[in-house]
Amino acid sequence: MTLHPSGGVVVSGRYWTHAGECRDLADAGDTFGMGEWADELGAWNRDGWSPLCTATHVGHDGTITYRLDLARAAELPEVL
């Protein structure tokens, strides 16, 4: 997922298996509601979601690309 300088987060649908293989979801915007939950993420609540992520790239334009640890995120209660 990418955090843009404007504060919004977008998801690409790219993920890595436990073995380290990179894969892409066919329709990242609607698969498993990814677009819906990504709208809930942003710079304003980064302290809540960033511990579940690893920053993988910081762009010259201020974008930051993260890898979300889905296994850890799945262990969270449905409502915090």
PDB file of N, CA and C in Angstrom:
ATOM      1  N   MET A   1       0.842  -1.158   0.000  1.00  0.00           N
ATOM      2  CA  MET A   1       0.000   0.000   0.000  1.00  0.00           C
ATOM      3  C   MET A   1       0.890   1.224   0.000  1.00  0.00           C
ATOM      4  N   THR A   2       0.339   2.334  -0.485  1.00  0.00           N
ATOM      5  CA  THR A   2       1.136   3.546  -0.613  1.00  0.00           C
ATOM      6  C   THR A   2       0.468   4.703   0.117  1.00  0.00           C
ATOM      7  N   LEU A   3       1.228   5.360   0.964  1.00  0.00           N
ATOM      8  CA  LEU A   3       0.786   6.572   1.647  1.00  0.00           C
ATOM      9  C   LEU A   3       1.273   7.750   0.826  1.00  0.00           C
ATOM     10  N   HIS A   4       0.345   8.561   0.343  1.00  0.00           N
ATOM     11  CA  HIS A   4       0.678   9.720  -0.481  1.00  0.00           C
ATOM     12  C   HIS A   4       0.873  10.959   0.384  1.00  0.00           C
ATOM     13  N   PRO A   5       1.618  11.955  -0.112  1.00  0.00           N
ATOM     14  CA  PRO A   5       1.834  13.177   0.657  1.00  0.00           C
ATOM     15  C   PRO A   5       0.533  13.865   1.067  1.00  0.00           C
ATOM     16  N   SER A   6      -0.535  13.649   0.319  1.00  0.00           N
ATOM     17  CA  SER A   6      -1.832  14.237   0.665  1.00  0.00           C
ATOM     18  C   SER A   6      -2.430  13.600   1.909  1.00  0.00           C
ATOM     19  N   GLY A   7      -1.878  12.454   2.343  1.00  0.00           N
ATOM     20  CA  GLY A   7      -2.350  11.772   3.535  1.00  0.00           C
ATOM     21  C   GLY A   7      -3.178  10.543   3.255  1.00  0.00           C
ATOM     22  N   GLY A   8      -3.588  10.323   1.998  1.00  0.00           N
ATOM     23  CA  GLY A   8      -4.404   9.168   1.650  1.00  0.00           C
ATOM     24  C   GLY A   8      -3.582   7.929   1.362  1.00  0.00           C
ATOM     25  N   VAL A   9      -4.222   6.779   1.534  1.00  0.00           N
ATOM     26  CA  VAL A   9      -3.593   5.486   1.274  1.00  0.00           C
ATOM     27  C   VAL A   9      -4.309   4.810   0.106  1.00  0.00           C
ATOM     28  N   VAL A  10      -3.546   4.229  -0.797  1.00  0.00           N
ATOM     29  CA  VAL A  10      -4.106   3.410  -1.879  1.00  0.00           C
ATOM     30  C   VAL A  10      -3.429   2.044  -1.832  1.00  0.00           C
ATOM     31  N   VAL A  11      -4.167   1.043  -2.277  1.00  0.00           N
ATOM     32  CA  VAL A  11      -3.629  -0.321  -2.301  1.00  0.00           C
ATOM     33  C   VAL A  11      -3.475  -0.766  -3.743  1.00  0.00           C
ATOM     34  N   SER A  12      -2.453  -1.557  -3.975  1.00  0.00           N
ATOM     35  CA  SER A  12      -2.165  -2.020  -5.331  1.00  0.00           C
ATOM     36  C   SER A  12      -2.710  -3.411  -5.607  1.00  0.00           C
ATOM     37  N   GLY A  13      -2.957  -4.179  -4.561  1.00  0.00           N
ATOM     38  CA  GLY A  13      -3.367  -5.559  -4.749  1.00  0.00           C
ATOM     39  C   GLY A  13      -2.195  -6.516  -4.827  1.00  0.00           C
ATOM     40  N   ARG A  14      -0.998  -6.010  -4.676  1.00  0.00           N
ATOM     41  CA  ARG A  14       0.198  -6.845  -4.685  1.00  0.00           C
ATOM     42  C   ARG A  14       0.411  -7.399  -3.279  1.00  0.00           C
ATOM     43  N   TYR A  15       0.778  -8.666  -3.222  1.00  0.00           N
ATOM     44  CA  TYR A  15       1.068  -9.267  -1.929  1.00  0.00           C
ATOM     45  C   TYR A  15       2.179 -10.294  -2.089  1.00  0.00           C
ATOM     46  N   TRP A  16       2.758 -10.682  -0.961  1.00  0.00           N
ATOM     47  CA  TRP A  16       3.847 -11.662  -0.951  1.00  0.00           C
ATOM     48  C   TRP A  16       3.419 -12.843  -0.113  1.00  0.00           C
ATOM     49  N   THR A  17       3.698 -14.018  -0.610  1.00  0.00           N
ATOM     50  CA  THR A  17       3.403 -15.238   0.138  1.00  0.00           C
ATOM     51  C   THR A  17       4.421 -15.392   1.259  1.00  0.00           C
ATOM     52  N   HIS A  18       4.141 -16.326   2.155  1.00  0.00           N
ATOM     53  CA  HIS A  18       5.067 -16.598   3.252  1.00  0.00           C
ATOM     54  C   HIS A  18       6.443 -16.997   2.714  1.00  0.00           C
ATOM     55  N   ALA A  19       6.453 -17.637   1.543  1.00  0.00           N
ATOM     56  CA  ALA A  19       7.714 -18.068   0.918  1.00  0.00           C
ATOM     57  C   ALA A  19       8.430 -16.921   0.205  1.00  0.00           C
ATOM     58  N   GLY A  20       7.796 -15.717   0.172  1.00  0.00           N
ATOM     59  CA  GLY A  20       8.439 -14.567  -0.446  1.00  0.00           C
ATOM     60  C   GLY A  20       8.096 -14.342  -1.905  1.00  0.00           C
ATOM     61  N   GLU A  21       7.122 -15.112  -2.442  1.00  0.00           N
ATOM     62  CA  GLU A  21       6.729 -14.939  -3.835  1.00  0.00           C
ATOM     63  C   GLU A  21       5.778 -13.747  -3.959  1.00  0.00           C
ATOM     64  N   CYS A  22       6.046 -12.880  -4.927  1.00  0.00           N
ATOM     65  CA  CYS A  22       5.209 -11.710  -5.171  1.00  0.00           C
ATOM     66  C   CYS A  22       4.053 -12.108  -6.084  1.00  0.00           C
ATOM     67  N   ARG A  23       2.830 -11.708  -5.695  1.00  0.00           N
ATOM     68  CA  ARG A  23       1.638 -11.992  -6.491  1.00  0.00           C
ATOM     69  C   ARG A  23       0.758 -10.750  -6.542  1.00  0.00           C
ATOM     70  N   ASP A  24      -0.141 -10.715  -7.529  1.00  0.00           N
ATOM     71  CA  ASP A  24      -1.086  -9.610  -7.667  1.00  0.00           C
ATOM     72  C   ASP A  24      -2.502 -10.145  -7.675  1.00  0.00           C
ATOM     73  N   LEU A  25      -3.413  -9.443  -7.012  1.00  0.00           N
ATOM     74  CA  LEU A  25      -4.823  -9.783  -7.077  1.00  0.00           C
ATOM     75  C   LEU A  25      -5.370  -9.270  -8.396  1.00  0.00           C
ATOM     76  N   ALA A  26      -6.354  -9.937  -8.946  1.00  0.00           N
ATOM     77  CA  ALA A  26      -6.900  -9.564 -10.251  1.00  0.00           C
ATOM     78  C   ALA A  26      -7.539  -8.181 -10.237  1.00  0.00           C
ATOM     79  N   ASP A  27      -8.297  -7.842  -9.193  1.00  0.00           N
ATOM     80  CA  ASP A  27      -8.997  -6.567  -9.119  1.00  0.00           C
ATOM     81  C   ASP A  27      -8.790  -5.993  -7.724  1.00  0.00           C
ATOM     82  N   ALA A  28      -7.692  -5.319  -7.529  1.00  0.00           N
ATOM     83  CA  ALA A  28      -7.305  -4.861  -6.194  1.00  0.00           C
ATOM     84  C   ALA A  28      -8.327  -3.934  -5.568  1.00  0.00           C
ATOM     85  N   GLY A  29      -9.029  -3.139  -6.369  1.00  0.00           N
ATOM     86  CA  GLY A  29      -9.962  -2.174  -5.809  1.00  0.00           C
ATOM     87  C   GLY A  29     -11.153  -2.798  -5.122  1.00  0.00           C
ATOM     88  N   ASP A  30     -11.612  -3.951  -5.576  1.00  0.00           N
ATOM     89  CA  ASP A  30     -12.817  -4.542  -5.019  1.00  0.00           C
ATOM     90  C   ASP A  30     -12.594  -5.882  -4.345  1.00  0.00           C
ATOM     91  N   THR A  31     -11.464  -6.514  -4.536  1.00  0.00           N
ATOM     92  CA  THR A  31     -11.212  -7.822  -3.962  1.00  0.00           C
ATOM     93  C   THR A  31     -11.119  -7.727  -2.453  1.00  0.00           C
ATOM     94  N   PHE A  32     -11.953  -8.496  -1.786  1.00  0.00           N
ATOM     95  CA  PHE A  32     -11.984  -8.542  -0.323  1.00  0.00           C
ATOM     96  C   PHE A  32     -12.230  -7.172   0.301  1.00  0.00           C
ATOM     97  N   GLY A  33     -12.836  -6.256  -0.438  1.00  0.00           N
ATOM     98  CA  GLY A  33     -13.129  -4.929   0.104  1.00  0.00           C
ATOM     99  C   GLY A  33     -11.898  -4.078   0.338  1.00  0.00           C
ATOM    100  N   MET A  34     -10.803  -4.366  -0.363  1.00  0.00           N
ATOM    101  CA  MET A  34      -9.549  -3.648  -0.123  1.00  0.00           C
ATOM    102  C   MET A  34      -9.709  -2.140  -0.289  1.00  0.00           C
ATOM    103  N   GLY A  35     -10.408  -1.714  -1.335  1.00  0.00           N
ATOM    104  CA  GLY A  35     -10.592  -0.282  -1.549  1.00  0.00           C
ATOM    105  C   GLY A  35     -11.361   0.366  -0.415  1.00  0.00           C
ATOM    106  N   GLU A  36     -12.319  -0.388   0.128  1.00  0.00           N
ATOM    107  CA  GLU A  36     -13.141   0.124   1.213  1.00  0.00           C
ATOM    108  C   GLU A  36     -12.335   0.342   2.490  1.00  0.00           C
ATOM    109  N   TRP A  37     -11.548  -0.668   2.880  1.00  0.00           N
ATOM    110  CA  TRP A  37     -10.793  -0.498   4.122  1.00  0.00           C
ATOM    111  C   TRP A  37      -9.606   0.432   3.938  1.00  0.00           C
ATOM    112  N   ALA A  38      -9.075   0.525   2.733  1.00  0.00           N
ATOM    113  CA  ALA A  38      -7.955   1.446   2.508  1.00  0.00           C
ATOM    114  C   ALA A  38      -8.401   2.893   2.681  1.00  0.00           C
ATOM    115  N   ASP A  39      -9.673   3.171   2.401  1.00  0.00           N
ATOM    116  CA  ASP A  39     -10.205   4.520   2.599  1.00  0.00           C
ATOM    117  C   ASP A  39     -10.195   4.927   4.065  1.00  0.00           C
ATOM    118  N   GLU A  40     -10.132   3.948   4.957  1.00  0.00           N
ATOM    119  CA  GLU A  40     -10.112   4.214   6.399  1.00  0.00           C
ATOM    120  C   GLU A  40      -8.702   4.498   6.915  1.00  0.00           C
ATOM    121  N   LEU A  41      -7.701   4.293   6.064  1.00  0.00           N
ATOM    122  CA  LEU A  41      -6.306   4.484   6.465  1.00  0.00           C
ATOM    123  C   LEU A  41      -5.772   5.798   5.916  1.00  0.00           C
ATOM    124  N   GLY A  42      -4.853   6.387   6.637  1.00  0.00           N
ATOM    125  CA  GLY A  42      -4.228   7.607   6.162  1.00  0.00           C
ATOM    126  C   GLY A  42      -3.194   8.106   7.147  1.00  0.00           C
ATOM    127  N   ALA A  43      -2.637   9.263   6.839  1.00  0.00           N
ATOM    128  CA  ALA A  43      -1.623   9.850   7.714  1.00  0.00           C
ATOM    129  C   ALA A  43      -2.199  10.146   9.094  1.00  0.00           C
ATOM    130  N   TRP A  44      -3.491  10.458   9.169  1.00  0.00           N
ATOM    131  CA  TRP A  44      -4.141  10.819  10.421  1.00  0.00           C
ATOM    132  C   TRP A  44      -4.218   9.668  11.416  1.00  0.00           C
ATOM    133  N   ASN A  45      -4.127   8.415  10.956  1.00  0.00           N
ATOM    134  CA  ASN A  45      -4.169   7.286  11.881  1.00  0.00           C
ATOM    135  C   ASN A  45      -3.012   6.300  11.643  1.00  0.00           C
ATOM    136  N   ARG A  46      -1.949   6.816  11.067  1.00  0.00           N
ATOM    137  CA  ARG A  46      -0.778   5.975  10.758  1.00  0.00           C
ATOM    138  C   ARG A  46      -0.201   5.308  11.996  1.00  0.00           C
ATOM    139  N   ASP A  47      -0.296   5.946  13.160  1.00  0.00           N
ATOM    140  CA  ASP A  47       0.229   5.324  14.382  1.00  0.00           C
ATOM    141  C   ASP A  47      -0.483   4.018  14.705  1.00  0.00           C
ATOM    142  N   GLY A  48      -1.715   3.863  14.229  1.00  0.00           N
ATOM    143  CA  GLY A  48      -2.470   2.638  14.475  1.00  0.00           C
ATOM    144  C   GLY A  48      -2.126   1.506  13.529  1.00  0.00           C
ATOM    145  N   TRP A  49      -1.901   1.814  12.243  1.00  0.00           N
ATOM    146  CA  TRP A  49      -1.660   0.739  11.274  1.00  0.00           C
ATOM    147  C   TRP A  49      -0.192   0.509  10.946  1.00  0.00           C
ATOM    148  N   SER A  50       0.651   1.495  11.130  1.00  0.00           N
ATOM    149  CA  SER A  50       2.050   1.325  10.729  1.00  0.00           C
ATOM    150  C   SER A  50       2.814   0.248  11.505  1.00  0.00           C
ATOM    151  N   PRO A  51       2.454  -0.068  12.776  1.00  0.00           N
ATOM    152  CA  PRO A  51       3.163  -1.166  13.442  1.00  0.00           C
ATOM    153  C   PRO A  51       2.950  -2.524  12.759  1.00  0.00           C
ATOM    154  N   LEU A  52       1.923  -2.626  11.911  1.00  0.00           N
ATOM    155  CA  LEU A  52       1.654  -3.868  11.190  1.00  0.00           C
ATOM    156  C   LEU A  52       2.332  -3.883   9.828  1.00  0.00           C
ATOM    157  N   CYS A  53       3.135  -2.863   9.551  1.00  0.00           N
ATOM    158  CA  CYS A  53       3.721  -2.697   8.220  1.00  0.00           C
ATOM    159  C   CYS A  53       5.236  -2.573   8.275  1.00  0.00           C
ATOM    160  N   THR A  54       5.812  -2.760   7.092  1.00  0.00           N
ATOM    161  CA  THR A  54       7.229  -2.487   6.878  1.00  0.00           C
ATOM    162  C   THR A  54       7.318  -1.514   5.717  1.00  0.00           C
ATOM    163  N   ALA A  55       7.966  -0.383   5.929  1.00  0.00           N
ATOM    164  CA  ALA A  55       8.168   0.571   4.834  1.00  0.00           C
ATOM    165  C   ALA A  55       9.184  -0.026   3.874  1.00  0.00           C
ATOM    166  N   THR A  56       8.853  -0.035   2.577  1.00  0.00           N
ATOM    167  CA  THR A  56       9.737  -0.654   1.596  1.00  0.00           C
ATOM    168  C   THR A  56      10.342   0.344   0.622  1.00  0.00           C
ATOM    169  N   HIS A  57       9.749   1.533   0.516  1.00  0.00           N
ATOM    170  CA  HIS A  57      10.278   2.524  -0.422  1.00  0.00           C
ATOM    171  C   HIS A  57       9.758   3.907  -0.042  1.00  0.00           C
ATOM    172  N   VAL A  58      10.652   4.879  -0.069  1.00  0.00           N
ATOM    173  CA  VAL A  58      10.270   6.275   0.120  1.00  0.00           C
ATOM    174  C   VAL A  58      10.617   7.006  -1.162  1.00  0.00           C
ATOM    175  N   GLY A  59       9.594   7.566  -1.810  1.00  0.00           N
ATOM    176  CA  GLY A  59       9.800   8.245  -3.081  1.00  0.00           C
ATOM    177  C   GLY A  59      10.253   9.680  -2.906  1.00  0.00           C
ATOM    178  N   HIS A  60      10.834  10.250  -3.964  1.00  0.00           N
ATOM    179  CA  HIS A  60      11.273  11.650  -3.937  1.00  0.00           C
ATOM    180  C   HIS A  60      10.104  12.595  -3.755  1.00  0.00           C
ATOM    181  N   ASP A  61       8.920  12.146  -4.150  1.00  0.00           N
ATOM    182  CA  ASP A  61       7.728  12.986  -4.030  1.00  0.00           C
ATOM    183  C   ASP A  61       7.057  12.877  -2.671  1.00  0.00           C
ATOM    184  N   GLY A  62       7.637  12.104  -1.756  1.00  0.00           N
ATOM    185  CA  GLY A  62       7.095  11.963  -0.411  1.00  0.00           C
ATOM    186  C   GLY A  62       6.195  10.762  -0.213  1.00  0.00           C
ATOM    187  N   THR A  63       5.947   9.977  -1.264  1.00  0.00           N
ATOM    188  CA  THR A  63       5.151   8.768  -1.091  1.00  0.00           C
ATOM    189  C   THR A  63       5.961   7.718  -0.334  1.00  0.00           C
ATOM    190  N   ILE A  64       5.266   6.940   0.466  1.00  0.00           N
ATOM    191  CA  ILE A  64       5.910   5.846   1.199  1.00  0.00           C
ATOM    192  C   ILE A  64       5.142   4.576   0.877  1.00  0.00           C
ATOM    193  N   THR A  65       5.844   3.553   0.418  1.00  0.00           N
ATOM    194  CA  THR A  65       5.227   2.272   0.107  1.00  0.00           C
ATOM    195  C   THR A  65       5.467   1.334   1.281  1.00  0.00           C
ATOM    196  N   TYR A  66       4.401   0.654   1.676  1.00  0.00           N
ATOM    197  CA  TYR A  66       4.441  -0.250   2.824  1.00  0.00           C
ATOM    198  C   TYR A  66       4.013  -1.644   2.420  1.00  0.00           C
ATOM    199  N   ARG A  67       4.531  -2.616   3.152  1.00  0.00           N
ATOM    200  CA  ARG A  67       4.032  -3.994   3.100  1.00  0.00           C
ATOM    201  C   ARG A  67       3.265  -4.224   4.390  1.00  0.00           C
ATOM    202  N   LEU A  68       1.978  -4.522   4.261  1.00  0.00           N
ATOM    203  CA  LEU A  68       1.147  -4.832   5.414  1.00  0.00           C
ATOM    204  C   LEU A  68       1.283  -6.314   5.728  1.00  0.00           C
ATOM    205  N   ASP A  69       1.562  -6.650   6.975  1.00  0.00           N
ATOM    206  CA  ASP A  69       1.659  -8.043   7.406  1.00  0.00           C
ATOM    207  C   ASP A  69       0.236  -8.554   7.628  1.00  0.00           C
ATOM    208  N   LEU A  70      -0.313  -9.218   6.627  1.00  0.00           N
ATOM    209  CA  LEU A  70      -1.699  -9.665   6.685  1.00  0.00           C
ATOM    210  C   LEU A  70      -1.941 -10.689   7.791  1.00  0.00           C
ATOM    211  N   ALA A  71      -0.963 -11.515   8.076  1.00  0.00           N
ATOM    212  CA  ALA A  71      -1.128 -12.510   9.135  1.00  0.00           C
ATOM    213  C   ALA A  71      -1.304 -11.818  10.484  1.00  0.00           C
ATOM    214  N   ARG A  72      -0.517 -10.810  10.753  1.00  0.00           N
ATOM    215  CA  ARG A  72      -0.652 -10.063  12.006  1.00  0.00           C
ATOM    216  C   ARG A  72      -1.945  -9.268  12.027  1.00  0.00           C
ATOM    217  N   ALA A  73      -2.298  -8.662  10.901  1.00  0.00           N
ATOM    218  CA  ALA A  73      -3.532  -7.880  10.829  1.00  0.00           C
ATOM    219  C   ALA A  73      -4.757  -8.764  11.042  1.00  0.00           C
ATOM    220  N   ALA A  74      -4.712 -10.005  10.552  1.00  0.00           N
ATOM    221  CA  ALA A  74      -5.845 -10.916  10.695  1.00  0.00           C
ATOM    222  C   ALA A  74      -6.059 -11.325  12.156  1.00  0.00           C
ATOM    223  N   GLU A  75      -5.048 -11.192  12.973  1.00  0.00           N
ATOM    224  CA  GLU A  75      -5.170 -11.555  14.390  1.00  0.00           C
ATOM    225  C   GLU A  75      -5.852 -10.473  15.215  1.00  0.00           C
ATOM    226  N   LEU A  76      -6.015  -9.281  14.637  1.00  0.00           N
ATOM    227  CA  LEU A  76      -6.650  -8.189  15.371  1.00  0.00           C
ATOM    228  C   LEU A  76      -8.144  -8.458  15.546  1.00  0.00           C
ATOM    229  N   PRO A  77      -8.719  -7.948  16.638  1.00  0.00           N
ATOM    230  CA  PRO A  77     -10.171  -8.094  16.785  1.00  0.00           C
ATOM    231  C   PRO A  77     -10.875  -7.306  15.689  1.00  0.00           C
ATOM    232  N   GLU A  78     -12.103  -7.726  15.345  1.00  0.00           N
ATOM    233  CA  GLU A  78     -12.837  -7.084  14.249  1.00  0.00           C
ATOM    234  C   GLU A  78     -13.080  -5.605  14.540  1.00  0.00           C
ATOM    235  N   VAL A  79     -13.376  -5.266  15.775  1.00  0.00           N
ATOM    236  CA  VAL A  79     -13.608  -3.876  16.145  1.00  0.00           C
ATOM    237  C   VAL A  79     -12.634  -3.523  17.249  1.00  0.00           C
ATOM    238  N   LEU A  80     -11.881  -2.481  17.031  1.00  0.00           N
ATOM    239  CA  LEU A  80     -10.920  -2.056  18.061  1.00  0.00           C
ATOM    240  C   LEU A  80     -11.525  -0.977  18.918  1.00  0.00           C
TER     241      LEU A  80
END
